[in-house]
Amino acid sequence: MSQNLSVVVWSKQGCSYCNEVKEYLTEQNIDYKTVDVTNHDEFRDILDTKYGIRHVPVVEIGEGNVYRAVTEVGLEHLKAALQPAHV
């Protein structure tokens, strides 16, 4: 895992998949920051502008100057996005 990896999880309270994503990252010893969109429609507006979606979780992964976002539901998408970071 690169030391320069930056991970941000956009989530909301009560979201079971959001919690699953955070648990997976913790199990993999991947540090992350959280943006809680609960009661913050303006944060959902940011997601809408950036990715054309308003749902969570969204996981943004940055390494160096390369950033990507996982917007699909399912841990397999997150695992695939993190794979290049493990190489």
PDB file of N, CA and C in Angstrom:
ATOM      1  N   MET A   1       0.840  -1.179   0.000  1.00  0.00           N
ATOM      2  CA  MET A   1       0.000   0.000   0.000  1.00  0.00           C
ATOM      3  C   MET A   1       0.879   1.234   0.000  1.00  0.00           C
ATOM      4  N   SER A   2       0.559   2.137  -0.859  1.00  0.00           N
ATOM      5  CA  SER A   2       1.329   3.371  -0.937  1.00  0.00           C
ATOM      6  C   SER A   2       1.071   4.245   0.275  1.00  0.00           C
ATOM      7  N   GLN A   3       2.118   4.877   0.757  1.00  0.00           N
ATOM      8  CA  GLN A   3       1.968   5.798   1.881  1.00  0.00           C
ATOM      9  C   GLN A   3       1.222   7.054   1.460  1.00  0.00           C
ATOM     10  N   ASN A   4       1.202   7.350   0.165  1.00  0.00           N
ATOM     11  CA  ASN A   4       0.572   8.559  -0.331  1.00  0.00           C
ATOM     12  C   ASN A   4      -0.894   8.362  -0.693  1.00  0.00           C
ATOM     13  N   LEU A   5      -1.461   7.223  -0.326  1.00  0.00           N
ATOM     14  CA  LEU A   5      -2.851   6.932  -0.645  1.00  0.00           C
ATOM     15  C   LEU A   5      -3.772   7.785   0.221  1.00  0.00           C
ATOM     16  N   SER A   6      -4.726   8.427  -0.429  1.00  0.00           N
ATOM     17  CA  SER A   6      -5.728   9.231   0.263  1.00  0.00           C
ATOM     18  C   SER A   6      -7.095   8.630  -0.026  1.00  0.00           C
ATOM     19  N   VAL A   7      -7.831   8.294   1.027  1.00  0.00           N
ATOM     20  CA  VAL A   7      -9.151   7.684   0.864  1.00  0.00           C
ATOM     21  C   VAL A   7     -10.173   8.508   1.640  1.00  0.00           C
ATOM     22  N   VAL A   8     -11.260   8.843   0.958  1.00  0.00           N
ATOM     23  CA  VAL A   8     -12.356   9.587   1.587  1.00  0.00           C
ATOM     24  C   VAL A   8     -13.638   8.798   1.347  1.00  0.00           C
ATOM     25  N   VAL A   9     -14.355   8.512   2.436  1.00  0.00           N
ATOM     26  CA  VAL A   9     -15.627   7.798   2.351  1.00  0.00           C
ATOM     27  C   VAL A   9     -16.753   8.791   2.613  1.00  0.00           C
ATOM     28  N   TRP A  10     -17.577   8.996   1.599  1.00  0.00           N
ATOM     29  CA  TRP A  10     -18.783   9.809   1.748  1.00  0.00           C
ATOM     30  C   TRP A  10     -19.862   8.851   2.222  1.00  0.00           C
ATOM     31  N   SER A  11     -20.458   9.124   3.386  1.00  0.00           N
ATOM     32  CA  SER A  11     -21.418   8.187   3.968  1.00  0.00           C
ATOM     33  C   SER A  11     -22.500   8.940   4.731  1.00  0.00           C
ATOM     34  N   LYS A  12     -23.461   8.163   5.248  1.00  0.00           N
ATOM     35  CA  LYS A  12     -24.494   8.745   6.103  1.00  0.00           C
ATOM     36  C   LYS A  12     -24.760   7.798   7.254  1.00  0.00           C
ATOM     37  N   GLN A  13     -25.320   8.328   8.307  1.00  0.00           N
ATOM     38  CA  GLN A  13     -25.653   7.519   9.474  1.00  0.00           C
ATOM     39  C   GLN A  13     -26.735   6.521   9.107  1.00  0.00           C
ATOM     40  N   GLY A  14     -26.609   5.298   9.634  1.00  0.00           N
ATOM     41  CA  GLY A  14     -27.613   4.276   9.403  1.00  0.00           C
ATOM     42  C   GLY A  14     -27.464   3.533   8.089  1.00  0.00           C
ATOM     43  N   CYS A  15     -26.425   3.803   7.342  1.00  0.00           N
ATOM     44  CA  CYS A  15     -26.199   3.156   6.043  1.00  0.00           C
ATOM     45  C   CYS A  15     -25.356   1.901   6.266  1.00  0.00           C
ATOM     46  N   SER A  16     -25.963   0.727   6.106  1.00  0.00           N
ATOM     47  CA  SER A  16     -25.241  -0.515   6.384  1.00  0.00           C
ATOM     48  C   SER A  16     -24.094  -0.736   5.404  1.00  0.00           C
ATOM     49  N   TYR A  17     -24.277  -0.384   4.135  1.00  0.00           N
ATOM     50  CA  TYR A  17     -23.180  -0.562   3.192  1.00  0.00           C
ATOM     51  C   TYR A  17     -22.039   0.404   3.490  1.00  0.00           C
ATOM     52  N   CYS A  18     -22.368   1.622   3.919  1.00  0.00           N
ATOM     53  CA  CYS A  18     -21.321   2.577   4.321  1.00  0.00           C
ATOM     54  C   CYS A  18     -20.475   1.978   5.441  1.00  0.00           C
ATOM     55  N   ASN A  19     -21.154   1.380   6.420  1.00  0.00           N
ATOM     56  CA  ASN A  19     -20.437   0.746   7.532  1.00  0.00           C
ATOM     57  C   ASN A  19     -19.596  -0.428   7.056  1.00  0.00           C
ATOM     58  N   GLU A  20     -20.109  -1.188   6.097  1.00  0.00           N
ATOM     59  CA  GLU A  20     -19.362  -2.322   5.543  1.00  0.00           C
ATOM     60  C   GLU A  20     -18.074  -1.833   4.869  1.00  0.00           C
ATOM     61  N   VAL A  21     -18.176  -0.742   4.134  1.00  0.00           N
ATOM     62  CA  VAL A  21     -17.000  -0.160   3.467  1.00  0.00           C
ATOM     63  C   VAL A  21     -15.969   0.269   4.495  1.00  0.00           C
ATOM     64  N   LYS A  22     -16.401   0.955   5.531  1.00  0.00           N
ATOM     65  CA  LYS A  22     -15.476   1.429   6.567  1.00  0.00           C
ATOM     66  C   LYS A  22     -14.822   0.259   7.301  1.00  0.00           C
ATOM     67  N   GLU A  23     -15.612  -0.776   7.599  1.00  0.00           N
ATOM     68  CA  GLU A  23     -15.056  -1.960   8.262  1.00  0.00           C
ATOM     69  C   GLU A  23     -13.999  -2.629   7.385  1.00  0.00           C
ATOM     70  N   TYR A  24     -14.270  -2.723   6.091  1.00  0.00           N
ATOM     71  CA  TYR A  24     -13.308  -3.335   5.170  1.00  0.00           C
ATOM     72  C   TYR A  24     -12.005  -2.535   5.144  1.00  0.00           C
ATOM     73  N   LEU A  25     -12.124  -1.222   5.027  1.00  0.00           N
ATOM     74  CA  LEU A  25     -10.924  -0.379   5.001  1.00  0.00           C
ATOM     75  C   LEU A  25     -10.125  -0.526   6.291  1.00  0.00           C
ATOM     76  N   THR A  26     -10.816  -0.570   7.418  1.00  0.00           N
ATOM     77  CA  THR A  26     -10.149  -0.747   8.711  1.00  0.00           C
ATOM     78  C   THR A  26      -9.446  -2.102   8.766  1.00  0.00           C
ATOM     79  N   GLU A  27     -10.108  -3.149   8.314  1.00  0.00           N
ATOM     80  CA  GLU A  27      -9.503  -4.488   8.295  1.00  0.00           C
ATOM     81  C   GLU A  27      -8.245  -4.530   7.425  1.00  0.00           C
ATOM     82  N   GLN A  28      -8.241  -3.730   6.360  1.00  0.00           N
ATOM     83  CA  GLN A  28      -7.111  -3.696   5.437  1.00  0.00           C
ATOM     84  C   GLN A  28      -6.041  -2.691   5.886  1.00  0.00           C
ATOM     85  N   ASN A  29      -6.238  -2.097   7.065  1.00  0.00           N
ATOM     86  CA  ASN A  29      -5.315  -1.084   7.597  1.00  0.00           C
ATOM     87  C   ASN A  29      -5.144   0.100   6.648  1.00  0.00           C
ATOM     88  N   ILE A  30      -6.245   0.501   6.034  1.00  0.00           N
ATOM     89  CA  ILE A  30      -6.250   1.656   5.140  1.00  0.00           C
ATOM     90  C   ILE A  30      -6.896   2.820   5.879  1.00  0.00           C
ATOM     91  N   ASP A  31      -6.122   3.859   6.101  1.00  0.00           N
ATOM     92  CA  ASP A  31      -6.658   5.054   6.750  1.00  0.00           C
ATOM     93  C   ASP A  31      -7.607   5.764   5.801  1.00  0.00           C
ATOM     94  N   TYR A  32      -8.648   6.336   6.351  1.00  0.00           N
ATOM     95  CA  TYR A  32      -9.605   7.071   5.531  1.00  0.00           C
ATOM     96  C   TYR A  32     -10.202   8.214   6.337  1.00  0.00           C
ATOM     97  N   LYS A  33     -10.719   9.185   5.611  1.00  0.00           N
ATOM     98  CA  LYS A  33     -11.480  10.275   6.205  1.00  0.00           C
ATOM     99  C   LYS A  33     -12.927  10.068   5.805  1.00  0.00           C
ATOM    100  N   THR A  34     -13.828  10.600   6.620  1.00  0.00           N
ATOM    101  CA  THR A  34     -15.255  10.448   6.357  1.00  0.00           C
ATOM    102  C   THR A  34     -15.899  11.809   6.129  1.00  0.00           C
ATOM    103  N   VAL A  35     -16.756  11.871   5.119  1.00  0.00           N
ATOM    104  CA  VAL A  35     -17.627  13.027   4.921  1.00  0.00           C
ATOM    105  C   VAL A  35     -19.038  12.513   5.177  1.00  0.00           C
ATOM    106  N   ASP A  36     -19.657  12.969   6.258  1.00  0.00           N
ATOM    107  CA  ASP A  36     -20.996  12.533   6.646  1.00  0.00           C
ATOM    108  C   ASP A  36     -22.022  13.440   5.979  1.00  0.00           C
ATOM    109  N   VAL A  37     -22.816  12.870   5.064  1.00  0.00           N
ATOM    110  CA  VAL A  37     -23.807  13.661   4.345  1.00  0.00           C
ATOM    111  C   VAL A  37     -25.152  13.720   5.063  1.00  0.00           C
ATOM    112  N   THR A  38     -25.248  13.051   6.227  1.00  0.00           N
ATOM    113  CA  THR A  38     -26.498  13.070   6.991  1.00  0.00           C
ATOM    114  C   THR A  38     -26.868  14.514   7.297  1.00  0.00           C
ATOM    115  N   ASN A  39     -28.081  14.893   6.920  1.00  0.00           N
ATOM    116  CA  ASN A  39     -28.591  16.257   7.156  1.00  0.00           C
ATOM    117  C   ASN A  39     -27.768  17.336   6.462  1.00  0.00           C
ATOM    118  N   HIS A  40     -27.033  16.974   5.415  1.00  0.00           N
ATOM    119  CA  HIS A  40     -26.221  17.947   4.663  1.00  0.00           C
ATOM    120  C   HIS A  40     -26.457  17.767   3.170  1.00  0.00           C
ATOM    121  N   ASP A  41     -27.591  18.276   2.696  1.00  0.00           N
ATOM    122  CA  ASP A  41     -27.898  18.166   1.272  1.00  0.00           C
ATOM    123  C   ASP A  41     -26.846  18.854   0.411  1.00  0.00           C
ATOM    124  N   GLU A  42     -26.163  19.851   0.959  1.00  0.00           N
ATOM    125  CA  GLU A  42     -25.123  20.536   0.182  1.00  0.00           C
ATOM    126  C   GLU A  42     -23.967  19.584  -0.154  1.00  0.00           C
ATOM    127  N   PHE A  43     -23.710  18.608   0.705  1.00  0.00           N
ATOM    128  CA  PHE A  43     -22.676  17.609   0.405  1.00  0.00           C
ATOM    129  C   PHE A  43     -23.151  16.676  -0.717  1.00  0.00           C
ATOM    130  N   ARG A  44     -24.441  16.341  -0.691  1.00  0.00           N
ATOM    131  CA  ARG A  44     -24.991  15.529  -1.779  1.00  0.00           C
ATOM    132  C   ARG A  44     -24.951  16.308  -3.094  1.00  0.00           C
ATOM    133  N   ASP A  45     -25.124  17.629  -3.008  1.00  0.00           N
ATOM    134  CA  ASP A  45     -25.008  18.471  -4.202  1.00  0.00           C
ATOM    135  C   ASP A  45     -23.600  18.367  -4.791  1.00  0.00           C
ATOM    136  N   ILE A  46     -22.591  18.285  -3.929  1.00  0.00           N
ATOM    137  CA  ILE A  46     -21.208  18.139  -4.393  1.00  0.00           C
ATOM    138  C   ILE A  46     -21.059  16.808  -5.128  1.00  0.00           C
ATOM    139  N   LEU A  47     -21.598  15.725  -4.567  1.00  0.00           N
ATOM    140  CA  LEU A  47     -21.543  14.421  -5.231  1.00  0.00           C
ATOM    141  C   LEU A  47     -22.253  14.471  -6.585  1.00  0.00           C
ATOM    142  N   ASP A  48     -23.375  15.158  -6.617  1.00  0.00           N
ATOM    143  CA  ASP A  48     -24.132  15.281  -7.858  1.00  0.00           C
ATOM    144  C   ASP A  48     -23.312  16.012  -8.918  1.00  0.00           C
ATOM    145  N   THR A  49     -22.639  17.071  -8.515  1.00  0.00           N
ATOM    146  CA  THR A  49     -21.804  17.837  -9.444  1.00  0.00           C
ATOM    147  C   THR A  49     -20.611  17.018  -9.919  1.00  0.00           C
ATOM    148  N   LYS A  50     -19.954  16.323  -8.996  1.00  0.00           N
ATOM    149  CA  LYS A  50     -18.744  15.578  -9.341  1.00  0.00           C
ATOM    150  C   LYS A  50     -19.024  14.301 -10.117  1.00  0.00           C
ATOM    151  N   TYR A  51     -20.070  13.559  -9.709  1.00  0.00           N
ATOM    152  CA  TYR A  51     -20.274  12.208 -10.241  1.00  0.00           C
ATOM    153  C   TYR A  51     -21.670  11.957 -10.807  1.00  0.00           C
ATOM    154  N   GLY A  52     -22.557  12.925 -10.692  1.00  0.00           N
ATOM    155  CA  GLY A  52     -23.900  12.748 -11.212  1.00  0.00           C
ATOM    156  C   GLY A  52     -24.765  11.833 -10.367  1.00  0.00           C
ATOM    157  N   ILE A  53     -24.419  11.678  -9.092  1.00  0.00           N
ATOM    158  CA  ILE A  53     -25.183  10.832  -8.177  1.00  0.00           C
ATOM    159  C   ILE A  53     -25.376  11.562  -6.856  1.00  0.00           C
ATOM    160  N   ARG A  54     -26.350  11.119  -6.089  1.00  0.00           N
ATOM    161  CA  ARG A  54     -26.584  11.709  -4.766  1.00  0.00           C
ATOM    162  C   ARG A  54     -26.545  10.649  -3.671  1.00  0.00           C
ATOM    163  N   HIS A  55     -26.325   9.383  -4.058  1.00  0.00           N
ATOM    164  CA  HIS A  55     -26.338   8.298  -3.078  1.00  0.00           C
ATOM    165  C   HIS A  55     -24.953   8.084  -2.474  1.00  0.00           C
ATOM    166  N   VAL A  56     -24.941   7.451  -1.334  1.00  0.00           N
ATOM    167  CA  VAL A  56     -23.701   7.059  -0.679  1.00  0.00           C
ATOM    168  C   VAL A  56     -23.767   5.557  -0.435  1.00  0.00           C
ATOM    169  N   PRO A  57     -22.663   4.900  -0.236  1.00  0.00           N
ATOM    170  CA  PRO A  57     -21.341   5.474  -0.102  1.00  0.00           C
ATOM    171  C   PRO A  57     -20.681   5.766  -1.451  1.00  0.00           C
ATOM    172  N   VAL A  58     -19.810   6.748  -1.408  1.00  0.00           N
ATOM    173  CA  VAL A  58     -18.880   7.021  -2.491  1.00  0.00           C
ATOM    174  C   VAL A  58     -17.507   6.995  -1.845  1.00  0.00           C
ATOM    175  N   VAL A  59     -16.591   6.270  -2.457  1.00  0.00           N
ATOM    176  CA  VAL A  59     -15.230   6.198  -1.928  1.00  0.00           C
ATOM    177  C   VAL A  59     -14.308   6.839  -2.950  1.00  0.00           C
ATOM    178  N   GLU A  60     -13.656   7.921  -2.539  1.00  0.00           N
ATOM    179  CA  GLU A  60     -12.681   8.584  -3.399  1.00  0.00           C
ATOM    180  C   GLU A  60     -11.291   8.105  -2.999  1.00  0.00           C
ATOM    181  N   ILE A  61     -10.530   7.700  -4.000  1.00  0.00           N
ATOM    182  CA  ILE A  61      -9.192   7.174  -3.768  1.00  0.00           C
ATOM    183  C   ILE A  61      -8.212   8.016  -4.577  1.00  0.00           C
ATOM    184  N   GLY A  62      -7.244   8.573  -3.895  1.00  0.00           N
ATOM    185  CA  GLY A  62      -6.242   9.382  -4.573  1.00  0.00           C
ATOM    186  C   GLY A  62      -4.851   8.862  -4.279  1.00  0.00           C
ATOM    187  N   GLU A  63      -4.025   8.843  -5.316  1.00  0.00           N
ATOM    188  CA  GLU A  63      -2.628   8.438  -5.163  1.00  0.00           C
ATOM    189  C   GLU A  63      -1.815   9.298  -6.115  1.00  0.00           C
ATOM    190  N   GLY A  64      -0.951  10.132  -5.551  1.00  0.00           N
ATOM    191  CA  GLY A  64      -0.226  11.076  -6.395  1.00  0.00           C
ATOM    192  C   GLY A  64      -1.210  12.040  -7.020  1.00  0.00           C
ATOM    193  N   ASN A  65      -1.151  12.161  -8.341  1.00  0.00           N
ATOM    194  CA  ASN A  65      -2.072  13.051  -9.058  1.00  0.00           C
ATOM    195  C   ASN A  65      -3.235  12.296  -9.681  1.00  0.00           C
ATOM    196  N   VAL A  66      -3.365  11.018  -9.357  1.00  0.00           N
ATOM    197  CA  VAL A  66      -4.420  10.191  -9.935  1.00  0.00           C
ATOM    198  C   VAL A  66      -5.506   9.955  -8.886  1.00  0.00           C
ATOM    199  N   TYR A  67      -6.717  10.334  -9.239  1.00  0.00           N
ATOM    200  CA  TYR A  67      -7.860  10.147  -8.349  1.00  0.00           C
ATOM    201  C   TYR A  67      -8.941   9.377  -9.076  1.00  0.00           C
ATOM    202  N   ARG A  68      -9.624   8.532  -8.348  1.00  0.00           N
ATOM    203  CA  ARG A  68     -10.751   7.802  -8.901  1.00  0.00           C
ATOM    204  C   ARG A  68     -11.803   7.674  -7.800  1.00  0.00           C
ATOM    205  N   ALA A  69     -13.041   7.442  -8.211  1.00  0.00           N
ATOM    206  CA  ALA A  69     -14.126   7.296  -7.240  1.00  0.00           C
ATOM    207  C   ALA A  69     -14.845   5.983  -7.483  1.00  0.00           C
ATOM    208  N   VAL A  70     -15.192   5.328  -6.404  1.00  0.00           N
ATOM    209  CA  VAL A  70     -16.014   4.124  -6.469  1.00  0.00           C
ATOM    210  C   VAL A  70     -17.428   4.550  -6.107  1.00  0.00           C
ATOM    211  N   THR A  71     -18.312   4.496  -7.088  1.00  0.00           N
ATOM    212  CA  THR A  71     -19.695   4.907  -6.869  1.00  0.00           C
ATOM    213  C   THR A  71     -20.662   3.732  -6.928  1.00  0.00           C
ATOM    214  N   GLU A  72     -20.170   2.567  -7.363  1.00  0.00           N
ATOM    215  CA  GLU A  72     -21.015   1.385  -7.459  1.00  0.00           C
ATOM    216  C   GLU A  72     -21.128   0.708  -6.096  1.00  0.00           C
ATOM    217  N   VAL A  73     -22.287   0.128  -5.844  1.00  0.00           N
ATOM    218  CA  VAL A  73     -22.510  -0.591  -4.596  1.00  0.00           C
ATOM    219  C   VAL A  73     -21.940  -1.998  -4.734  1.00  0.00           C
ATOM    220  N   GLY A  74     -21.217  -2.428  -3.725  1.00  0.00           N
ATOM    221  CA  GLY A  74     -20.617  -3.755  -3.707  1.00  0.00           C
ATOM    222  C   GLY A  74     -19.136  -3.653  -3.398  1.00  0.00           C
ATOM    223  N   LEU A  75     -18.695  -4.410  -2.402  1.00  0.00           N
ATOM    224  CA  LEU A  75     -17.282  -4.358  -2.006  1.00  0.00           C
ATOM    225  C   LEU A  75     -16.347  -4.756  -3.138  1.00  0.00           C
ATOM    226  N   GLU A  76     -16.822  -5.570  -4.075  1.00  0.00           N
ATOM    227  CA  GLU A  76     -15.954  -5.988  -5.171  1.00  0.00           C
ATOM    228  C   GLU A  76     -15.456  -4.791  -5.984  1.00  0.00           C
ATOM    229  N   HIS A  77     -16.270  -3.744  -6.092  1.00  0.00           N
ATOM    230  CA  HIS A  77     -15.863  -2.541  -6.827  1.00  0.00           C
ATOM    231  C   HIS A  77     -14.768  -1.789  -6.065  1.00  0.00           C
ATOM    232  N   LEU A  78     -14.914  -1.707  -4.759  1.00  0.00           N
ATOM    233  CA  LEU A  78     -13.898  -1.056  -3.933  1.00  0.00           C
ATOM    234  C   LEU A  78     -12.597  -1.847  -3.985  1.00  0.00           C
ATOM    235  N   LYS A  79     -12.689  -3.160  -3.851  1.00  0.00           N
ATOM    236  CA  LYS A  79     -11.487  -3.999  -3.892  1.00  0.00           C
ATOM    237  C   LYS A  79     -10.755  -3.837  -5.218  1.00  0.00           C
ATOM    238  N   ALA A  80     -11.494  -3.806  -6.315  1.00  0.00           N
ATOM    239  CA  ALA A  80     -10.884  -3.645  -7.638  1.00  0.00           C
ATOM    240  C   ALA A  80     -10.209  -2.284  -7.766  1.00  0.00           C
ATOM    241  N   ALA A  81     -10.837  -1.248  -7.221  1.00  0.00           N
ATOM    242  CA  ALA A  81     -10.257   0.094  -7.310  1.00  0.00           C
ATOM    243  C   ALA A  81      -8.998   0.212  -6.460  1.00  0.00           C
ATOM    244  N   LEU A  82      -8.955  -0.506  -5.355  1.00  0.00           N
ATOM    245  CA  LEU A  82      -7.785  -0.457  -4.475  1.00  0.00           C
ATOM    246  C   LEU A  82      -6.655  -1.343  -4.985  1.00  0.00           C
ATOM    247  N   GLN A  83      -6.945  -2.295  -5.826  1.00  0.00           N
ATOM    248  CA  GLN A  83      -5.922  -3.243  -6.280  1.00  0.00           C
ATOM    249  C   GLN A  83      -4.689  -2.565  -6.869  1.00  0.00           C
ATOM    250  N   PRO A  84      -4.812  -1.578  -7.766  1.00  0.00           N
ATOM    251  CA  PRO A  84      -3.601  -0.947  -8.292  1.00  0.00           C
ATOM    252  C   PRO A  84      -2.748  -0.304  -7.197  1.00  0.00           C
ATOM    253  N   ALA A  85      -3.377   0.123  -6.123  1.00  0.00           N
ATOM    254  CA  ALA A  85      -2.654   0.754  -5.029  1.00  0.00           C
ATOM    255  C   ALA A  85      -1.813  -0.254  -4.252  1.00  0.00           C
ATOM    256  N   HIS A  86      -2.184  -1.529  -4.327  1.00  0.00           N
ATOM    257  CA  HIS A  86      -1.444  -2.568  -3.612  1.00  0.00           C
ATOM    258  C   HIS A  86      -0.224  -3.054  -4.376  1.00  0.00           C
ATOM    259  N   VAL A  87      -0.140  -2.746  -5.660  1.00  0.00           N
ATOM    260  CA  VAL A  87       0.944  -3.259  -6.498  1.00  0.00           C
ATOM    261  C   VAL A  87       2.240  -2.581  -6.176  1.00  0.00           C
TER     262      VAL A  87
END
